[in-house]
Amino acid sequence: MNLKKVTKINRVGVVLFLGFSMLMFNLIPVLSENLQSTNFIIEDASITSGSEILNSNNYSLAGSIGEITSDDRLMSGSYEIKGGFPNGIIANVPKITCFETNTTSSTTTCISLINNKGMQGECGSPGCYNKAKIEIDSQNNPYDTLYLVKIGNLTDNTTHYLKSDHTLGLTYTTNNFLTKCAIEGKDLNNPNCNENGDAEWNSNLQSTNMFYLSDNTTYQASVSALNGDFTGTGFSSATSANTVMQSVGLDIDVGPTTEPNINNNAPYNINLSDISLLTATTSVNLVWLDMLSNNPKGFSIYTRDTNNGLFSSNKNATIPSENEDLSVDLNHNGGFGIKVYNGNTTETALGPLNKATGFNTINEDTVGSLSTTNKLLFFTNDSNGNKGEILNGRGAILIKARATATTPISSDYSDIIYFSIMGNY
């Protein structure tokens, strides 16, 4: 039998740290015993035969306890999850799926929005002025993982943390650590929060889940994870969003019923041509009104005119504006007014856009009267489950008139109609 002499060499390395040296041994665990100091006991620790317990006045050091390189984890440009204990129990660093205030259906990255129209579909156009939506990518953390959401106000350089009531606070405690379900109202991995009717399901939080922000402000969100003691991660990379101003808006256009998406500029002129003596004359073009609002209380649109009807300065005569069916003209004095076209209004989301009774007439030639005093035409509100906010609200009105045999003939009958919008409060 041929024998070879084998020499076993223990490799010795020296690591310098804060002015003192520490010996590191590559050892094979074969012996188990309890290690005890004045501060702790490690029971049944496996250490290498022939190794020593190194003692000093401040610590005792065992050569090796277990295998510290058995857990390969993740590394990216922004964070590193190291191998071995205790790094093997640290939660995965989460990511932000979306942090948004004014996105549209084509720009949003949020998954669980109620109206599927971006954040303008949740807050109205042009977006949220005091709210936001955040969604978290858990990165495969268990559904009971807790998350701390940090919100930086880049306008005044302050740092806030999302609270359990979904407002912001300047400091945080354990109560600020929330599950994905508690933050978003929905978590497909949580059996108590993955569909409507589950105990923790909250559809309101799926719309917006960050409240009482400041308008016209830039915010930056990041998030960290915690799933037990000593498992907390660093914060994810940050995502920014800008709140807008509280707004109501009205755009007026004039055009035919076949071209509802026209866009033209004032002054707007509608020609009734020759007004009939026997039937109602209807304008060829409609007045199209486009509305926007992110005001939760909604808005009201009013209309009024200059002359209480069609006035001729040449004849010093007026075709009066009245609430009546012009096809009948019961008082035989003619008439002039407006009505909602086909009784229809539309919106892309929220609302709905409501029509005032006086102008939402059923009969084809029944109109509502105009006067020099404002009258309600369209509105939104937050009563009975309605939303005051609206995205792409639209309505149109027809103008109708009728003369009589006694109406002085003139080509200069005219009126000026005004439309105004006011936010409700």
Protein backbone atom coordinates (compact mmCIF):
# COMPACT_ATOMS: atom_id res chain seq x y z
CA MET A 1 0.00 0.00 0.00
CA ASN A 2 1.38 3.33 -0.96
CA LEU A 3 1.02 6.01 1.61
CA LYS A 4 1.32 9.72 1.09
CA LYS A 5 1.99 12.17 3.79
CA VAL A 6 -0.89 14.63 4.12
CA THR A 7 -0.34 17.90 5.85
CA LYS A 8 -3.42 19.78 7.11
CA ILE A 9 -3.04 23.51 7.10
CA ASN A 10 -5.46 25.81 8.85
CA ARG A 11 -5.58 29.08 6.93
CA VAL A 12 -5.31 32.14 9.09
CA GLY A 13 -6.49 35.59 8.05
CA VAL A 14 -6.38 38.93 9.82
CA VAL A 15 -9.17 41.54 9.52
CA LEU A 16 -8.52 45.06 10.80
CA PHE A 17 -11.55 46.76 12.36
CA LEU A 18 -11.60 49.87 14.54
CA GLY A 19 -8.06 49.44 15.74
CA PHE A 20 -8.09 45.81 16.88
CA SER A 21 -7.48 42.51 15.11
CA MET A 22 -9.66 39.43 15.11
CA LEU A 23 -8.57 35.95 14.06
CA MET A 24 -10.89 34.17 11.61
CA PHE A 25 -10.61 30.38 11.26
CA ASN A 26 -11.89 28.12 8.50
CA LEU A 27 -13.02 25.24 10.72
CA ILE A 28 -15.02 22.04 10.33
CA PRO A 29 -17.77 21.72 12.98
CA VAL A 30 -17.50 18.36 14.76
CA LEU A 31 -18.00 19.15 18.43
CA SER A 32 -21.09 20.50 20.18
CA GLU A 33 -21.09 22.24 23.53
CA ASN A 34 -22.72 25.16 25.35
CA LEU A 35 -20.94 28.50 25.10
CA GLN A 36 -21.53 30.82 28.00
CA SER A 37 -20.55 34.36 28.92
CA THR A 38 -21.79 36.84 31.48
CA ASN A 39 -24.31 38.17 28.92
CA PHE A 40 -25.57 35.12 26.99
CA ILE A 41 -25.56 31.34 26.46
CA ILE A 42 -25.34 29.67 23.03
CA GLU A 43 -26.63 26.12 23.54
CA ASP A 44 -25.26 23.12 21.61
CA ALA A 45 -22.97 25.26 19.49
CA SER A 46 -20.98 23.32 16.89
CA ILE A 47 -17.34 24.28 16.88
CA THR A 48 -14.24 22.73 15.38
CA SER A 49 -12.17 20.12 17.14
CA GLY A 50 -8.94 21.64 18.24
CA SER A 51 -10.17 25.21 18.00
CA GLU A 52 -10.20 27.53 20.93
CA ILE A 53 -12.54 29.95 22.60
CA LEU A 54 -10.78 33.29 22.45
CA ASN A 55 -11.35 35.36 25.57
CA SER A 56 -10.77 38.99 26.44
CA ASN A 57 -12.07 41.34 29.06
CA ASN A 58 -14.91 42.40 26.75
CA TYR A 59 -15.91 39.30 24.74
CA SER A 60 -15.55 35.60 24.05
CA LEU A 61 -15.16 34.49 20.42
CA ALA A 62 -15.86 31.00 19.05
CA GLY A 63 -14.04 29.95 15.92
CA SER A 64 -17.12 28.94 13.95
CA ILE A 65 -20.82 28.46 14.59
CA GLY A 66 -22.78 26.86 11.74
CA GLU A 67 -22.42 27.75 8.05
CA ILE A 68 -22.68 31.48 7.39
CA THR A 69 -22.58 31.45 3.58
CA SER A 70 -25.39 29.07 2.69
CA ASP A 71 -27.98 31.66 1.62
CA ASP A 72 -27.47 33.36 -1.73
CA ARG A 73 -29.60 36.52 -1.94
CA LEU A 74 -30.09 39.52 -4.18
CA MET A 75 -28.05 42.56 -5.19
CA SER A 76 -28.95 45.54 -7.36
CA GLY A 77 -27.63 49.00 -7.99
CA SER A 78 -29.66 50.43 -5.13
CA TYR A 79 -29.47 47.76 -2.41
CA GLU A 80 -27.82 44.48 -1.35
CA ILE A 81 -29.27 41.54 0.57
CA LYS A 82 -26.35 39.59 2.00
CA GLY A 83 -26.05 35.86 2.63
CA GLY A 84 -26.14 34.01 5.92
CA PHE A 85 -27.57 34.72 9.35
CA PRO A 86 -28.98 37.20 10.24
CA ASN A 87 -29.22 38.45 6.66
CA GLY A 88 -31.16 35.36 5.61
CA ILE A 89 -34.20 36.47 7.62
CA ILE A 90 -34.29 40.10 6.43
CA ALA A 91 -37.41 40.90 4.40
CA ASN A 92 -37.04 41.61 0.71
CA VAL A 93 -36.76 45.30 -0.13
CA PRO A 94 -40.17 46.26 -1.61
CA LYS A 95 -40.79 48.42 -4.63
CA ILE A 96 -43.42 51.02 -5.46
CA THR A 97 -45.88 49.96 -8.15
CA CYS A 98 -47.37 53.43 -8.38
CA PHE A 99 -47.44 56.75 -6.56
CA GLU A 100 -49.75 59.04 -8.53
CA THR A 101 -51.94 62.12 -8.37
CA ASN A 102 -52.82 63.26 -11.90
CA THR A 103 -52.30 60.37 -14.31
CA THR A 104 -54.70 59.32 -17.09
CA SER A 105 -55.76 55.90 -18.31
CA SER A 106 -52.78 55.84 -20.67
CA THR A 107 -50.13 56.97 -18.17
CA THR A 108 -51.05 55.22 -14.90
CA THR A 109 -49.13 52.24 -13.54
CA CYS A 110 -51.61 51.63 -10.70
CA ILE A 111 -53.35 48.23 -10.82
CA SER A 112 -56.39 48.56 -8.55
CA LEU A 113 -58.02 51.89 -9.45
CA ILE A 114 -61.82 51.75 -9.25
CA ASN A 115 -62.55 53.65 -12.48
CA ASN A 116 -59.56 52.49 -14.56
CA LYS A 117 -58.97 56.02 -15.84
CA GLY A 118 -55.80 56.91 -13.98
CA MET A 119 -55.93 59.27 -11.03
CA GLN A 120 -58.00 61.79 -13.00
CA GLY A 121 -60.62 59.06 -13.04
CA GLU A 122 -60.52 58.97 -9.21
CA CYS A 123 -60.17 62.68 -8.41
CA GLY A 124 -61.59 64.35 -11.49
CA SER A 125 -59.73 66.51 -13.96
CA PRO A 126 -57.01 67.80 -13.82
CA GLY A 127 -56.13 65.35 -11.00
CA CYS A 128 -55.86 65.16 -7.21
CA TYR A 129 -55.13 68.31 -5.25
CA ASN A 130 -55.16 66.84 -1.72
CA LYS A 131 -55.03 63.06 -2.23
CA ALA A 132 -52.84 60.41 -3.86
CA LYS A 133 -52.67 56.69 -4.52
CA ILE A 134 -49.75 54.44 -3.60
CA GLU A 135 -49.44 50.74 -4.40
CA ILE A 136 -46.61 48.47 -3.21
CA ASP A 137 -44.83 45.64 -5.01
CA SER A 138 -44.12 43.26 -2.11
CA GLN A 139 -41.23 41.50 -3.88
CA ASN A 140 -42.55 38.11 -2.67
CA ASN A 141 -42.71 39.05 1.00
CA PRO A 142 -45.47 37.21 2.92
CA TYR A 143 -48.84 38.96 3.03
CA ASP A 144 -48.47 39.71 6.76
CA THR A 145 -45.34 41.77 6.10
CA LEU A 146 -45.57 45.31 7.44
CA TYR A 147 -44.56 48.35 5.43
CA LEU A 148 -43.47 51.84 6.43
CA VAL A 149 -44.24 54.47 3.80
CA LYS A 150 -42.02 57.55 3.84
CA ILE A 151 -43.24 60.70 2.06
CA GLY A 152 -40.88 63.55 1.36
CA ASN A 153 -42.34 66.98 0.65
CA LEU A 154 -39.88 68.37 -1.88
CA THR A 155 -41.56 71.76 -1.87
CA ASP A 156 -40.79 72.53 1.80
CA ASN A 157 -38.12 69.81 2.37
CA THR A 158 -39.94 67.97 5.14
CA THR A 159 -40.27 64.21 5.70
CA HIS A 160 -43.54 62.54 6.65
CA TYR A 161 -44.76 58.98 7.26
CA LEU A 162 -48.07 57.43 6.30
CA LYS A 163 -50.29 56.86 9.36
CA SER A 164 -52.94 54.22 9.90
CA ASP A 165 -55.67 56.79 9.12
CA HIS A 166 -53.88 57.48 5.80
CA THR A 167 -52.85 61.00 6.73
CA LEU A 168 -49.20 62.04 7.13
CA GLY A 169 -47.20 62.53 10.32
CA LEU A 170 -43.73 63.94 10.95
CA THR A 171 -42.67 60.97 13.11
CA TYR A 172 -43.47 57.28 13.18
CA THR A 173 -44.12 54.54 15.73
CA THR A 174 -44.98 50.86 15.40
CA ASN A 175 -48.50 51.95 14.46
CA ASN A 176 -47.19 53.35 11.17
CA PHE A 177 -46.17 49.86 10.00
CA LEU A 178 -49.10 48.56 7.94
CA THR A 179 -49.83 45.54 5.77
CA LYS A 180 -50.28 45.92 2.04
CA CYS A 181 -54.00 45.26 2.57
CA ALA A 182 -54.28 48.01 5.18
CA ILE A 183 -52.52 50.46 2.86
CA GLU A 184 -54.29 49.60 -0.41
CA GLY A 185 -57.55 47.94 0.62
CA LYS A 186 -56.71 44.97 -1.60
CA ASP A 187 -54.05 42.23 -1.63
CA LEU A 188 -54.49 39.27 -3.94
CA ASN A 189 -52.12 37.21 -1.78
CA ASN A 190 -54.09 37.82 1.42
CA PRO A 191 -57.08 35.45 1.81
CA ASN A 192 -58.85 38.11 3.91
CA CYS A 193 -58.32 40.87 1.35
CA ASN A 194 -58.35 39.48 -2.18
CA GLU A 195 -61.95 40.04 -3.26
CA ASN A 196 -65.03 42.10 -2.52
CA GLY A 197 -66.73 40.84 0.64
CA ASP A 198 -63.54 39.80 2.43
CA ALA A 199 -63.22 41.13 5.97
CA GLU A 200 -60.33 43.50 5.23
CA TRP A 201 -61.37 44.53 1.71
CA ASN A 202 -61.74 48.33 1.33
CA SER A 203 -62.78 49.69 -2.06
CA ASN A 204 -62.31 53.32 -0.96
CA LEU A 205 -58.59 52.74 -0.41
CA GLN A 206 -58.34 51.25 -3.89
CA SER A 207 -59.32 54.67 -5.24
CA THR A 208 -57.13 56.95 -3.08
CA ASN A 209 -55.24 56.06 0.09
CA MET A 210 -53.22 59.14 1.05
CA PHE A 211 -55.18 62.14 2.34
CA TYR A 212 -54.83 65.79 3.37
CA LEU A 213 -51.91 66.57 1.11
CA SER A 214 -51.12 70.13 0.09
CA ASP A 215 -52.10 71.32 -3.37
CA ASN A 216 -49.55 72.28 -6.02
CA THR A 217 -46.83 70.35 -4.17
CA THR A 218 -44.21 67.79 -5.17
CA TYR A 219 -44.05 64.64 -3.03
CA GLN A 220 -41.61 61.72 -3.12
CA ALA A 221 -42.53 58.28 -1.76
CA SER A 222 -40.40 55.31 -0.71
CA VAL A 223 -41.19 52.20 1.35
CA SER A 224 -39.44 49.70 3.63
CA ALA A 225 -40.54 46.25 4.83
CA LEU A 226 -40.62 44.48 8.20
CA ASN A 227 -41.63 40.88 8.90
CA GLY A 228 -40.51 40.23 12.48
CA ASP A 229 -37.73 41.41 14.76
CA PHE A 230 -34.45 42.27 13.05
CA THR A 231 -35.94 41.85 9.54
CA GLY A 232 -36.40 45.52 8.58
CA THR A 233 -35.08 46.64 5.22
CA GLY A 234 -33.82 49.91 3.91
CA PHE A 235 -36.15 52.13 1.91
CA SER A 236 -36.87 51.46 -1.74
CA SER A 237 -35.97 53.84 -4.52
CA ALA A 238 -38.25 56.89 -4.46
CA THR A 239 -41.07 57.83 -6.83
CA SER A 240 -42.37 61.39 -7.24
CA ALA A 241 -45.84 62.85 -7.85
CA ASN A 242 -47.23 66.38 -8.05
CA THR A 243 -50.56 67.48 -6.64
CA VAL A 244 -52.48 70.03 -8.70
CA MET A 245 -54.61 73.04 -7.80
CA GLN A 246 -58.25 72.68 -6.80
CA SER A 247 -60.10 73.44 -10.02
CA VAL A 248 -63.39 73.81 -11.84
CA GLY A 249 -63.40 74.52 -15.56
CA LEU A 250 -65.82 75.21 -18.40
CA ASP A 251 -65.17 75.24 -22.14
CA ILE A 252 -67.77 76.49 -24.64
CA ASP A 253 -67.92 75.45 -28.30
CA VAL A 254 -70.50 75.87 -31.03
CA GLY A 255 -71.14 73.26 -33.68
CA PRO A 256 -73.60 70.82 -35.22
CA THR A 257 -74.85 67.65 -33.57
CA THR A 258 -72.70 65.55 -35.91
CA GLU A 259 -69.43 67.11 -34.71
CA PRO A 260 -69.42 66.89 -30.91
CA ASN A 261 -65.62 67.11 -30.57
CA ILE A 262 -65.14 70.50 -32.19
CA ASN A 263 -63.06 73.18 -30.52
CA ASN A 264 -63.50 76.83 -31.43
CA ASN A 265 -63.02 80.21 -29.81
CA ALA A 266 -65.20 83.14 -28.74
CA PRO A 267 -67.11 85.08 -29.86
CA TYR A 268 -69.71 82.43 -30.59
CA ASN A 269 -72.55 83.23 -32.97
CA ILE A 270 -75.68 81.20 -33.65
CA ASN A 271 -77.99 82.23 -36.49
CA LEU A 272 -81.67 81.31 -36.17
CA SER A 273 -82.30 82.57 -39.71
CA ASP A 274 -85.97 83.38 -40.36
CA ILE A 275 -88.10 82.71 -37.29
CA SER A 276 -91.32 80.91 -38.20
CA LEU A 277 -94.74 82.26 -37.27
CA LEU A 278 -96.44 78.86 -37.03
CA THR A 279 -93.80 76.44 -35.60
CA ALA A 280 -90.68 76.57 -33.46
CA THR A 281 -87.46 77.43 -35.26
CA THR A 282 -84.45 75.47 -33.97
CA SER A 283 -80.81 76.50 -34.24
CA VAL A 284 -78.74 74.37 -36.61
CA ASN A 285 -75.75 74.51 -34.28
CA LEU A 286 -75.68 73.53 -30.63
CA VAL A 287 -73.86 75.11 -27.72
CA TRP A 288 -71.51 72.40 -26.38
CA LEU A 289 -70.35 72.74 -22.76
CA ASP A 290 -67.33 70.75 -21.51
CA MET A 291 -66.74 70.70 -17.75
CA LEU A 292 -64.02 69.57 -15.39
CA SER A 293 -63.71 69.56 -11.63
CA ASN A 294 -61.69 67.95 -8.83
CA ASN A 295 -63.82 69.63 -6.16
CA PRO A 296 -65.39 66.90 -3.97
CA LYS A 297 -68.45 69.08 -3.37
CA GLY A 298 -68.99 69.55 -7.08
CA PHE A 299 -69.97 72.57 -9.16
CA SER A 300 -72.95 74.41 -10.64
CA ILE A 301 -73.30 75.93 -14.12
CA TYR A 302 -75.64 78.87 -14.50
CA THR A 303 -77.04 80.66 -17.52
CA ARG A 304 -78.59 84.11 -18.07
CA ASP A 305 -79.21 86.51 -20.94
CA THR A 306 -79.17 90.22 -21.64
CA ASN A 307 -82.65 91.00 -22.94
CA ASN A 308 -85.09 88.53 -21.34
CA GLY A 309 -85.65 87.35 -24.91
CA LEU A 310 -84.80 88.33 -28.50
CA PHE A 311 -84.69 92.10 -28.79
CA SER A 312 -84.91 94.30 -31.90
CA SER A 313 -83.45 97.75 -31.43
CA ASN A 314 -84.83 98.78 -34.82
CA LYS A 315 -88.41 98.02 -33.78
CA ASN A 316 -87.92 98.32 -29.99
CA ALA A 317 -89.65 94.96 -29.73
CA THR A 318 -88.95 91.72 -27.85
CA ILE A 319 -89.83 88.10 -28.50
CA PRO A 320 -90.12 87.10 -24.84
CA SER A 321 -88.27 84.19 -23.25
CA GLU A 322 -90.77 81.89 -21.57
CA ASN A 323 -91.18 78.40 -20.15
CA GLU A 324 -93.51 76.94 -22.74
CA ASP A 325 -94.12 74.48 -25.54
CA LEU A 326 -93.44 76.62 -28.60
CA SER A 327 -95.32 74.20 -30.84
CA VAL A 328 -98.51 75.28 -29.04
CA ASP A 329 -97.73 78.85 -27.89
CA LEU A 330 -100.74 79.03 -25.61
CA ASN A 331 -100.47 82.76 -24.96
CA HIS A 332 -100.02 83.55 -28.70
CA ASN A 333 -97.11 85.89 -28.18
CA GLY A 334 -94.31 83.76 -29.58
CA GLY A 335 -91.38 82.77 -27.44
CA PHE A 336 -87.67 82.06 -27.07
CA GLY A 337 -85.64 79.70 -24.86
CA ILE A 338 -83.17 76.85 -24.55
CA LYS A 339 -83.30 73.14 -23.70
CA VAL A 340 -80.82 70.32 -23.03
CA TYR A 341 -80.14 68.53 -26.30
CA ASN A 342 -81.91 65.13 -26.28
CA GLY A 343 -81.94 65.37 -22.49
CA ASN A 344 -78.45 63.86 -22.50
CA THR A 345 -75.28 64.55 -20.56
CA THR A 346 -72.13 62.41 -20.47
CA GLU A 347 -69.00 61.95 -18.40
CA THR A 348 -65.99 59.64 -18.62
CA ALA A 349 -65.93 59.03 -14.86
CA LEU A 350 -67.33 60.24 -11.53
CA GLY A 351 -70.26 62.67 -11.44
CA PRO A 352 -72.83 62.14 -12.77
CA LEU A 353 -73.50 65.42 -14.51
CA ASN A 354 -77.05 66.43 -13.59
CA LYS A 355 -79.51 68.59 -15.54
CA ALA A 356 -81.66 71.30 -13.97
CA THR A 357 -85.38 70.56 -14.27
CA GLY A 358 -86.33 73.80 -16.02
CA PHE A 359 -84.16 73.10 -19.08
CA ASN A 360 -84.37 69.30 -19.13
CA THR A 361 -87.68 69.24 -20.98
CA ILE A 362 -89.37 66.21 -22.53
CA ASN A 363 -91.35 67.60 -25.47
CA GLU A 364 -89.27 68.48 -28.50
CA ASP A 365 -90.23 72.15 -28.59
CA THR A 366 -90.62 72.84 -24.87
CA VAL A 367 -87.97 75.28 -23.67
CA GLY A 368 -86.82 76.90 -20.45
CA SER A 369 -86.81 80.65 -20.15
CA LEU A 370 -83.80 82.93 -19.89
CA SER A 371 -83.63 86.10 -17.83
CA THR A 372 -81.07 88.56 -16.59
CA THR A 373 -80.90 86.54 -13.35
CA ASN A 374 -78.75 83.39 -13.22
CA LYS A 375 -80.61 80.08 -13.53
CA LEU A 376 -79.17 76.65 -12.80
CA LEU A 377 -78.44 74.61 -15.95
CA PHE A 378 -76.06 71.72 -15.04
CA PHE A 379 -74.53 70.60 -11.73
CA THR A 380 -72.75 67.86 -9.78
CA ASN A 381 -72.88 67.18 -6.04
CA ASP A 382 -71.81 64.68 -3.40
CA SER A 383 -75.26 63.69 -2.16
CA ASN A 384 -76.90 60.27 -2.44
CA GLY A 385 -73.66 58.58 -3.42
CA ASN A 386 -72.89 61.05 -6.22
CA LYS A 387 -69.37 62.35 -6.81
CA GLY A 388 -68.86 66.08 -7.08
CA GLU A 389 -65.70 65.55 -9.10
CA ILE A 390 -66.03 64.77 -12.80
CA LEU A 391 -63.85 63.67 -15.69
CA ASN A 392 -64.83 64.91 -19.16
CA GLY A 393 -68.33 66.13 -18.34
CA ARG A 394 -70.29 67.23 -21.41
CA GLY A 395 -73.74 68.61 -22.23
CA ALA A 396 -75.29 70.55 -25.10
CA ILE A 397 -78.22 72.90 -25.49
CA LEU A 398 -80.54 73.79 -28.37
CA ILE A 399 -81.88 77.30 -28.93
CA LYS A 400 -85.48 77.67 -30.14
CA ALA A 401 -87.73 80.60 -31.00
CA ARG A 402 -91.19 81.34 -32.48
CA ALA A 403 -92.77 84.57 -33.72
CA THR A 404 -96.41 85.54 -34.21
CA ALA A 405 -98.33 87.46 -36.83
CA THR A 406 -98.11 90.53 -34.63
CA THR A 407 -94.34 90.33 -34.09
CA PRO A 408 -92.70 93.37 -35.75
CA ILE A 409 -90.63 92.22 -38.71
CA SER A 410 -86.93 93.01 -38.38
CA SER A 411 -83.60 91.34 -39.13
CA ASP A 412 -81.84 92.47 -35.94
CA TYR A 413 -83.47 90.35 -33.22
CA SER A 414 -80.66 89.19 -30.97
CA ASP A 415 -79.67 88.23 -27.47
CA ILE A 416 -76.50 87.45 -25.56
CA ILE A 417 -76.47 84.26 -23.46
CA TYR A 418 -73.95 83.84 -20.66
CA PHE A 419 -72.70 80.62 -18.98
CA SER A 420 -70.76 80.56 -15.73
CA ILE A 421 -69.41 77.83 -13.45
CA MET A 422 -68.99 77.96 -9.67
CA GLY A 423 -67.56 75.39 -7.28
CA ASN A 424 -69.90 74.14 -4.57
CA TYR A 425 -68.84 74.42 -0.93
